[in-house]
Amino acid sequence: MYDYLIVGAGLFGAVFAHEAKKAGKSVLVIDKRSHIGGNIYTKEVEGIQVHEYGAHIFHTSNKEIWDYVQSFAEFNRYTNEPVANYKGEMYNLPFNMNTFSKMWGVKTPEEAKAKIEEQIAAAGIGEPKNLEEQAISMVGTDIYEKLVKGYTAKQWGKDCKDLPSFIIKRLPVRFVYDNNYFNDKYQGIPVGGYTGIVEKMLDGVEVRLNEDFFDKKEEYLALAKKVVFTGMIDQFYDYCYGQLEYRSLRFETEVLDCENYQGNAVINYTEKEIPYTRIIEHKHFEFMCQNGTNNPKTVITKEYPVTWVRGDEPYYPMNDEKNNALYQKYLDKAKSEDKVIFGGRLGMYKYFDMHNVIAAALDCVKTELG
């Protein structure tokens, strides 16, 4: 009998397992995949750390979280500066003076603000009711049409008029020549990849891979006094209230015989006609490789958003009004549990960045272990 069975060897499960073991608890971690790390898993290909499940850049303004994650790895000084490709036109992201200058030929913040305000006024939007109206209210119609509309429709599989406004609110708009995507004080990528962080967290913890919890649910539940479940909360309850919606992804990764394919780690393709949302060139995440030299090969990944169906890997919760209401039913049911704790992006049905996952896991540990 273990003190804790942790379902999922991703970041939430690994943090909880590490802290529980440190507190003297007996822990078993299982994962249906053949590797630890969940979606932050990285593996070395041609001397390059490849982000197997899409780009992961660690960022936070919370010094406690930054110090915590740095206790497991040394971080480089990578800064996320994505570029957008719209029909061959290249624009800096997030929206900043470099973007506005390329879009309209403006040179000063005053000129950029005047152009955006002119377009906002022409659109005549009051209180934004959806993502399209919210985006136009932030950056005007030109940037919305070229850099938001097609990309977002691909990403979520829905027209921007049918998406909630909050999705776009987290995107920075800056009237300075600064391409840094995040506003956070601390940012970087672990030297040697993310897998090493999770390996250190799980050091000394019993881990069983290729083990699907639902193959032997009752048997697994009987193994421990408590269960930390990081999978889909609706699946745990056998979809008794209905199926929550998720968005999935498909990745095409290839090794190329060239030193430097695109000159940046992430380039977004914002026109709707191109089926992938972005191309990641993994070597540019590593500081010494950012100019593409020192390695005659490179590894790229094309990222395709796809409609999630049961059995696919769920990457993003669809946090619209309908799904949030359905999740609340599952959450109310979960509150009556005295044995199962739900955590992580899927267990809590919430879009989490990595620092949010760690913070949520540490809060859970404090509640559970004191």
Protein backbone atom coordinates (compact mmCIF):
# COMPACT_ATOMS: atom_id res chain seq x y z
CA MET A 1 0.00 0.00 0.00
CA TYR A 2 1.56 3.27 -1.20
CA ASP A 3 0.78 6.59 0.40
CA TYR A 4 0.25 8.13 -3.06
CA LEU A 5 -0.38 6.80 -6.53
CA ILE A 6 0.36 9.54 -9.05
CA VAL A 7 -1.22 9.10 -12.47
CA GLY A 8 0.91 10.99 -14.97
CA ALA A 9 4.66 11.63 -14.98
CA GLY A 10 4.32 15.17 -16.29
CA LEU A 11 5.30 18.34 -14.45
CA PHE A 12 2.44 18.39 -11.91
CA GLY A 13 2.86 14.72 -11.04
CA ALA A 14 6.64 14.97 -10.85
CA VAL A 15 6.58 18.00 -8.51
CA PHE A 16 4.04 16.32 -6.23
CA ALA A 17 6.01 13.04 -6.25
CA HIS A 18 9.26 14.84 -5.43
CA GLU A 19 7.76 16.76 -2.51
CA ALA A 20 5.84 13.74 -1.17
CA LYS A 21 8.98 11.58 -1.22
CA LYS A 22 10.90 14.38 0.51
CA ALA A 23 8.23 14.32 3.22
CA GLY A 24 8.84 10.61 3.75
CA LYS A 25 5.81 9.32 1.84
CA SER A 26 5.83 6.20 -0.32
CA VAL A 27 4.98 7.06 -3.93
CA LEU A 28 4.24 5.20 -7.16
CA VAL A 29 4.07 7.10 -10.45
CA ILE A 30 2.49 5.55 -13.55
CA ASP A 31 2.24 6.93 -17.08
CA LYS A 32 0.68 5.53 -20.24
CA ARG A 33 3.49 6.94 -22.36
CA SER A 34 6.86 5.27 -22.78
CA HIS A 35 8.68 8.23 -21.22
CA ILE A 36 8.48 10.62 -18.29
CA GLY A 37 7.98 14.38 -18.61
CA GLY A 38 4.55 14.56 -20.20
CA ASN A 39 4.35 17.30 -22.81
CA ILE A 40 7.62 18.94 -21.72
CA TYR A 41 9.58 15.82 -22.74
CA THR A 42 12.71 16.56 -24.75
CA LYS A 43 15.08 14.13 -26.44
CA GLU A 44 18.42 14.57 -28.18
CA VAL A 45 18.47 14.21 -31.97
CA GLU A 46 21.66 15.00 -33.92
CA GLY A 47 23.06 16.71 -30.83
CA ILE A 48 19.98 18.97 -30.57
CA GLN A 49 17.41 18.92 -27.76
CA VAL A 50 14.09 18.40 -29.53
CA HIS A 51 10.85 19.55 -27.87
CA GLU A 52 8.73 16.52 -28.79
CA TYR A 53 5.36 18.12 -28.03
CA GLY A 54 5.83 21.70 -29.18
CA ALA A 55 7.91 24.64 -28.00
CA HIS A 56 8.25 25.04 -24.23
CA ILE A 57 9.88 28.22 -22.92
CA PHE A 58 9.94 28.60 -19.17
CA HIS A 59 8.95 32.04 -17.89
CA THR A 60 7.72 33.44 -14.60
CA SER A 61 7.76 36.56 -12.45
CA ASN A 62 7.59 34.48 -9.29
CA LYS A 63 11.10 34.25 -7.80
CA GLU A 64 10.10 31.34 -5.59
CA ILE A 65 9.04 29.29 -8.63
CA TRP A 66 12.15 30.38 -10.59
CA ASP A 67 14.45 29.36 -7.74
CA TYR A 68 12.58 26.08 -7.36
CA VAL A 69 12.93 25.02 -11.00
CA GLN A 70 16.55 26.19 -11.11
CA SER A 71 17.34 23.77 -8.28
CA PHE A 72 16.86 20.97 -10.84
CA ALA A 73 18.69 22.47 -13.85
CA GLU A 74 20.82 25.31 -15.13
CA PHE A 75 18.87 27.56 -17.49
CA ASN A 76 20.19 29.40 -20.53
CA ARG A 77 19.18 32.97 -21.31
CA TYR A 78 16.89 32.15 -24.23
CA THR A 79 14.36 34.90 -24.95
CA ASN A 80 11.19 34.05 -26.84
CA GLU A 81 11.03 36.27 -29.93
CA PRO A 82 8.70 34.56 -32.42
CA VAL A 83 8.21 35.82 -35.96
CA ALA A 84 5.03 35.71 -38.03
CA ASN A 85 4.98 34.84 -41.73
CA TYR A 86 1.93 36.12 -43.60
CA LYS A 87 2.13 35.27 -47.31
CA GLY A 88 5.89 35.82 -47.24
CA GLU A 89 5.73 39.06 -45.25
CA MET A 90 7.66 38.72 -41.97
CA TYR A 91 6.45 40.44 -38.80
CA ASN A 92 7.82 40.50 -35.26
CA LEU A 93 5.72 39.17 -32.39
CA PRO A 94 4.34 40.15 -29.97
CA PHE A 95 2.83 43.24 -31.51
CA ASN A 96 5.37 46.04 -30.99
CA MET A 97 6.96 48.95 -32.79
CA ASN A 98 8.84 46.61 -35.15
CA THR A 99 5.47 45.09 -36.14
CA PHE A 100 3.78 48.46 -36.58
CA SER A 101 6.72 49.90 -38.54
CA LYS A 102 6.69 46.96 -40.97
CA MET A 103 2.88 47.04 -41.27
CA TRP A 104 2.37 50.77 -41.83
CA GLY A 105 5.78 52.42 -42.16
CA VAL A 106 5.29 54.36 -38.91
CA LYS A 107 8.36 55.35 -36.89
CA THR A 108 7.08 56.61 -33.53
CA PRO A 109 4.72 55.26 -30.84
CA GLU A 110 2.48 58.29 -31.41
CA GLU A 111 2.08 57.42 -35.10
CA ALA A 112 1.41 53.75 -34.30
CA LYS A 113 -1.21 54.58 -31.66
CA ALA A 114 -2.93 57.02 -34.01
CA LYS A 115 -3.14 54.35 -36.74
CA ILE A 116 -4.56 51.75 -34.36
CA GLU A 117 -7.05 54.22 -32.83
CA GLU A 118 -8.20 55.24 -36.31
CA GLN A 119 -8.93 51.60 -37.19
CA ILE A 120 -10.61 50.90 -33.85
CA ALA A 121 -12.89 53.92 -34.32
CA ALA A 122 -13.77 52.83 -37.86
CA ALA A 123 -14.73 49.36 -36.58
CA GLY A 124 -17.24 50.90 -34.15
CA ILE A 125 -16.97 48.14 -31.53
CA GLY A 126 -18.39 48.82 -28.07
CA GLU A 127 -17.84 46.10 -25.48
CA PRO A 128 -16.02 43.24 -27.26
CA LYS A 129 -18.22 40.13 -27.35
CA ASN A 130 -15.80 37.69 -28.97
CA LEU A 131 -12.17 37.21 -29.92
CA GLU A 132 -12.47 39.08 -33.23
CA GLU A 133 -13.90 42.18 -31.59
CA GLN A 134 -11.39 41.98 -28.74
CA ALA A 135 -8.43 41.74 -31.14
CA ILE A 136 -9.62 44.65 -33.28
CA SER A 137 -10.16 46.69 -30.11
CA MET A 138 -6.53 46.02 -29.15
CA VAL A 139 -4.61 46.36 -32.44
CA GLY A 140 -6.96 47.44 -35.22
CA THR A 141 -8.15 45.65 -38.35
CA ASP A 142 -4.90 45.34 -40.38
CA ILE A 143 -3.02 43.38 -37.74
CA TYR A 144 -6.11 41.36 -36.91
CA GLU A 145 -6.64 40.35 -40.55
CA LYS A 146 -3.00 39.44 -41.22
CA LEU A 147 -1.63 38.14 -37.94
CA VAL A 148 -4.57 37.01 -35.77
CA LYS A 149 -7.57 35.86 -37.80
CA GLY A 150 -6.18 32.92 -39.78
CA TYR A 151 -3.75 31.70 -37.13
CA THR A 152 -6.35 31.68 -34.37
CA ALA A 153 -8.99 29.98 -36.51
CA LYS A 154 -6.46 27.21 -37.28
CA GLN A 155 -5.34 26.93 -33.67
CA TRP A 156 -8.84 26.50 -32.23
CA GLY A 157 -10.74 25.11 -35.19
CA LYS A 158 -13.36 27.85 -34.89
CA ASP A 159 -14.03 31.23 -36.44
CA CYS A 160 -12.75 34.10 -34.28
CA LYS A 161 -16.34 35.34 -33.92
CA ASP A 162 -17.15 32.08 -32.14
CA LEU A 163 -14.26 32.22 -29.67
CA PRO A 164 -14.25 33.95 -26.25
CA SER A 165 -12.44 37.28 -26.02
CA PHE A 166 -10.18 36.27 -23.12
CA ILE A 167 -7.99 34.07 -25.37
CA ILE A 168 -6.40 37.10 -27.04
CA LYS A 169 -6.12 39.24 -23.89
CA ARG A 170 -2.92 37.50 -22.77
CA LEU A 171 -1.10 38.63 -25.95
CA PRO A 172 1.12 41.65 -25.22
CA VAL A 173 0.90 44.90 -27.23
CA ARG A 174 3.89 47.18 -26.81
CA PHE A 175 4.78 50.61 -28.17
CA VAL A 176 8.53 49.98 -27.91
CA TYR A 177 10.98 48.20 -30.21
CA ASP A 178 11.04 45.03 -28.09
CA ASN A 179 10.43 41.55 -29.54
CA ASN A 180 10.45 39.72 -26.18
CA TYR A 181 7.15 37.82 -26.12
CA PHE A 182 6.81 37.49 -22.36
CA ASN A 183 6.45 40.21 -19.74
CA ASP A 184 7.92 37.98 -17.03
CA LYS A 185 11.14 38.84 -15.19
CA TYR A 186 12.65 35.34 -15.50
CA GLN A 187 12.91 33.37 -18.73
CA GLY A 188 14.99 30.57 -20.24
CA ILE A 189 15.29 26.94 -21.27
CA PRO A 190 17.08 24.27 -19.23
CA VAL A 191 20.51 23.36 -20.57
CA GLY A 192 20.23 19.74 -21.70
CA GLY A 193 16.44 19.86 -22.06
CA TYR A 194 13.41 19.45 -19.81
CA THR A 195 13.59 15.68 -19.40
CA GLY A 196 16.55 16.07 -17.04
CA ILE A 197 14.44 18.23 -14.70
CA VAL A 198 11.76 15.57 -14.40
CA GLU A 199 14.39 12.84 -13.98
CA LYS A 200 15.79 14.71 -10.98
CA MET A 201 12.32 15.28 -9.54
CA LEU A 202 11.56 11.57 -9.82
CA ASP A 203 14.96 10.40 -8.56
CA GLY A 204 14.33 7.59 -6.05
CA VAL A 205 10.60 7.42 -6.88
CA GLU A 206 9.13 4.21 -8.30
CA VAL A 207 7.95 4.88 -11.87
CA ARG A 208 6.10 2.50 -14.18
CA LEU A 209 5.80 3.51 -17.83
CA ASN A 210 3.48 2.14 -20.54
CA GLU A 211 0.85 1.74 -17.80
CA ASP A 212 -2.64 3.00 -18.64
CA PHE A 213 -4.60 3.76 -15.46
CA PHE A 214 -7.90 2.91 -17.16
CA ASP A 215 -6.76 -0.59 -18.10
CA LYS A 216 -6.89 -1.56 -14.41
CA LYS A 217 -8.60 1.37 -12.71
CA GLU A 218 -9.96 -0.43 -9.65
CA GLU A 219 -6.70 -2.30 -9.13
CA TYR A 220 -4.71 0.95 -9.26
CA LEU A 221 -7.13 2.74 -6.92
CA ALA A 222 -6.61 -0.05 -4.38
CA LEU A 223 -2.81 0.36 -4.50
CA ALA A 224 -2.62 3.60 -2.52
CA LYS A 225 -4.22 5.57 0.27
CA LYS A 226 -4.60 8.54 -2.06
CA VAL A 227 -4.45 9.13 -5.81
CA VAL A 228 -3.15 12.23 -7.60
CA PHE A 229 -4.79 12.12 -11.03
CA THR A 230 -3.44 14.39 -13.81
CA GLY A 231 -5.42 12.98 -16.72
CA MET A 232 -8.79 14.12 -18.05
CA ILE A 233 -11.28 14.61 -15.23
CA ASP A 234 -14.24 13.70 -17.45
CA GLN A 235 -12.60 10.42 -18.43
CA PHE A 236 -11.97 9.59 -14.76
CA TYR A 237 -15.73 9.79 -14.19
CA ASP A 238 -16.46 7.85 -17.38
CA TYR A 239 -17.90 11.00 -19.05
CA CYS A 240 -20.97 10.72 -16.79
CA TYR A 241 -22.01 14.34 -17.41
CA GLY A 242 -20.82 14.40 -21.01
CA GLN A 243 -17.52 14.92 -22.81
CA LEU A 244 -15.45 18.03 -22.32
CA GLU A 245 -13.90 19.51 -25.47
CA TYR A 246 -10.16 19.65 -26.06
CA ARG A 247 -7.90 20.69 -28.91
CA SER A 248 -5.25 18.32 -30.16
CA LEU A 249 -2.03 18.68 -32.14
CA ARG A 250 -0.11 16.69 -34.71
CA PHE A 251 3.64 17.08 -35.10
CA GLU A 252 5.80 16.42 -38.16
CA THR A 253 9.48 16.40 -37.23
CA GLU A 254 12.35 15.99 -39.67
CA VAL A 255 16.14 16.22 -39.68
CA LEU A 256 17.49 18.47 -42.44
CA ASP A 257 20.95 18.58 -43.95
CA CYS A 258 21.33 22.30 -43.48
CA GLU A 259 22.93 24.42 -40.81
CA ASN A 260 20.17 26.96 -40.34
CA TYR A 261 16.70 26.47 -41.81
CA GLN A 262 14.73 29.56 -40.76
CA GLY A 263 16.95 31.67 -38.49
CA ASN A 264 14.57 31.61 -35.52
CA ALA A 265 13.24 29.04 -33.06
CA VAL A 266 9.57 29.74 -33.81
CA ILE A 267 7.94 31.12 -36.95
CA ASN A 268 4.14 31.33 -37.01
CA TYR A 269 2.28 30.92 -40.29
CA THR A 270 -0.75 33.16 -39.93
CA GLU A 271 -2.62 32.66 -43.20
CA LYS A 272 -5.44 30.16 -42.94
CA GLU A 273 -4.53 28.36 -46.18
CA ILE A 274 -1.30 26.93 -44.71
CA PRO A 275 -2.45 24.00 -42.53
CA TYR A 276 0.24 24.19 -39.84
CA THR A 277 0.38 27.03 -37.33
CA ARG A 278 4.14 27.18 -36.88
CA ILE A 279 7.52 25.70 -37.64
CA ILE A 280 9.91 25.15 -34.74
CA GLU A 281 13.66 24.93 -35.37
CA HIS A 282 14.90 23.35 -32.17
CA LYS A 283 18.60 24.25 -32.30
CA HIS A 284 17.76 27.93 -31.86
CA PHE A 285 16.48 27.24 -28.33
CA GLU A 286 20.07 26.57 -27.34
CA PHE A 287 22.13 29.68 -26.76
CA MET A 288 25.34 28.51 -28.45
CA CYS A 289 23.38 27.36 -31.52
CA GLN A 290 21.21 30.43 -32.03
CA ASN A 291 23.15 31.55 -35.11
CA GLY A 292 22.85 28.02 -36.53
CA THR A 293 26.54 27.20 -36.50
CA ASN A 294 28.47 24.34 -34.83
CA ASN A 295 26.12 21.69 -36.25
CA PRO A 296 25.73 20.90 -39.98
CA LYS A 297 22.23 19.48 -39.39
CA THR A 298 19.04 20.95 -37.98
CA VAL A 299 15.72 19.56 -36.72
CA ILE A 300 12.39 21.21 -37.52
CA THR A 301 8.84 20.46 -36.41
CA LYS A 302 5.65 21.54 -38.15
CA GLU A 303 2.74 21.86 -35.74
CA TYR A 304 -0.77 21.06 -36.99
CA PRO A 305 -3.81 21.75 -34.78
CA VAL A 306 -6.43 19.02 -35.14
CA THR A 307 -9.94 18.36 -33.88
CA TRP A 308 -9.74 16.20 -30.77
CA VAL A 309 -11.62 12.93 -30.72
CA ARG A 310 -11.64 10.39 -27.91
CA GLY A 311 -8.37 8.46 -27.92
CA ASP A 312 -6.31 11.41 -29.24
CA GLU A 313 -3.88 13.29 -27.02
CA PRO A 314 -5.69 16.31 -25.50
CA TYR A 315 -3.43 19.38 -25.45
CA TYR A 316 -5.67 22.37 -24.82
CA PRO A 317 -8.92 22.62 -22.84
CA MET A 318 -11.61 24.54 -24.73
CA ASN A 319 -12.45 26.97 -21.93
CA ASP A 320 -15.58 28.50 -23.39
CA GLU A 321 -18.78 29.07 -21.41
CA LYS A 322 -20.37 25.72 -22.31
CA ASN A 323 -17.30 23.63 -21.41
CA ASN A 324 -16.56 25.57 -18.23
CA ALA A 325 -20.12 24.93 -17.06
CA LEU A 326 -19.71 21.22 -17.77
CA TYR A 327 -16.35 21.16 -15.99
CA GLN A 328 -17.99 22.74 -12.93
CA LYS A 329 -20.23 19.67 -12.66
CA TYR A 330 -17.17 17.41 -12.62
CA LEU A 331 -15.44 19.72 -10.14
CA ASP A 332 -18.43 19.57 -7.77
CA LYS A 333 -18.33 15.77 -8.00
CA ALA A 334 -14.56 15.80 -7.36
CA LYS A 335 -15.03 17.87 -4.20
CA SER A 336 -16.87 14.96 -2.62
CA GLU A 337 -13.84 12.69 -3.15
CA ASP A 338 -11.73 11.97 -0.12
CA LYS A 339 -9.24 9.76 -1.95
CA VAL A 340 -8.58 11.42 -5.34
CA ILE A 341 -6.82 14.74 -6.01
CA PHE A 342 -7.10 16.22 -9.51
CA GLY A 343 -4.21 18.28 -10.86
CA GLY A 344 -2.55 19.61 -13.99
CA ARG A 345 -3.94 21.01 -17.20
CA LEU A 346 -6.32 18.12 -17.82
CA GLY A 347 -7.29 17.32 -14.24
CA MET A 348 -8.12 20.97 -13.57
CA TYR A 349 -9.36 21.69 -17.13
CA LYS A 350 -7.33 24.88 -17.38
CA TYR A 351 -4.75 26.31 -19.74
CA PHE A 352 -1.56 26.30 -17.66
CA ASP A 353 1.91 27.54 -18.47
CA MET A 354 4.71 25.57 -16.81
CA HIS A 355 5.20 27.99 -13.94
CA ASN A 356 1.45 27.82 -13.22
CA VAL A 357 1.64 24.01 -13.12
CA ILE A 358 4.51 24.08 -10.62
CA ALA A 359 2.73 26.68 -8.46
CA ALA A 360 -0.50 24.63 -8.49
CA ALA A 361 1.40 21.44 -7.60
CA LEU A 362 3.24 23.14 -4.71
CA ASP A 363 -0.06 24.59 -3.43
CA CYS A 364 -1.55 21.10 -3.60
CA VAL A 365 1.42 19.74 -1.66
CA LYS A 366 0.98 22.39 1.06
CA THR A 367 -2.71 21.57 1.39
CA GLU A 368 -2.09 17.85 1.44
CA LEU A 369 1.14 17.53 3.39
CA GLY A 370 1.24 20.76 5.36
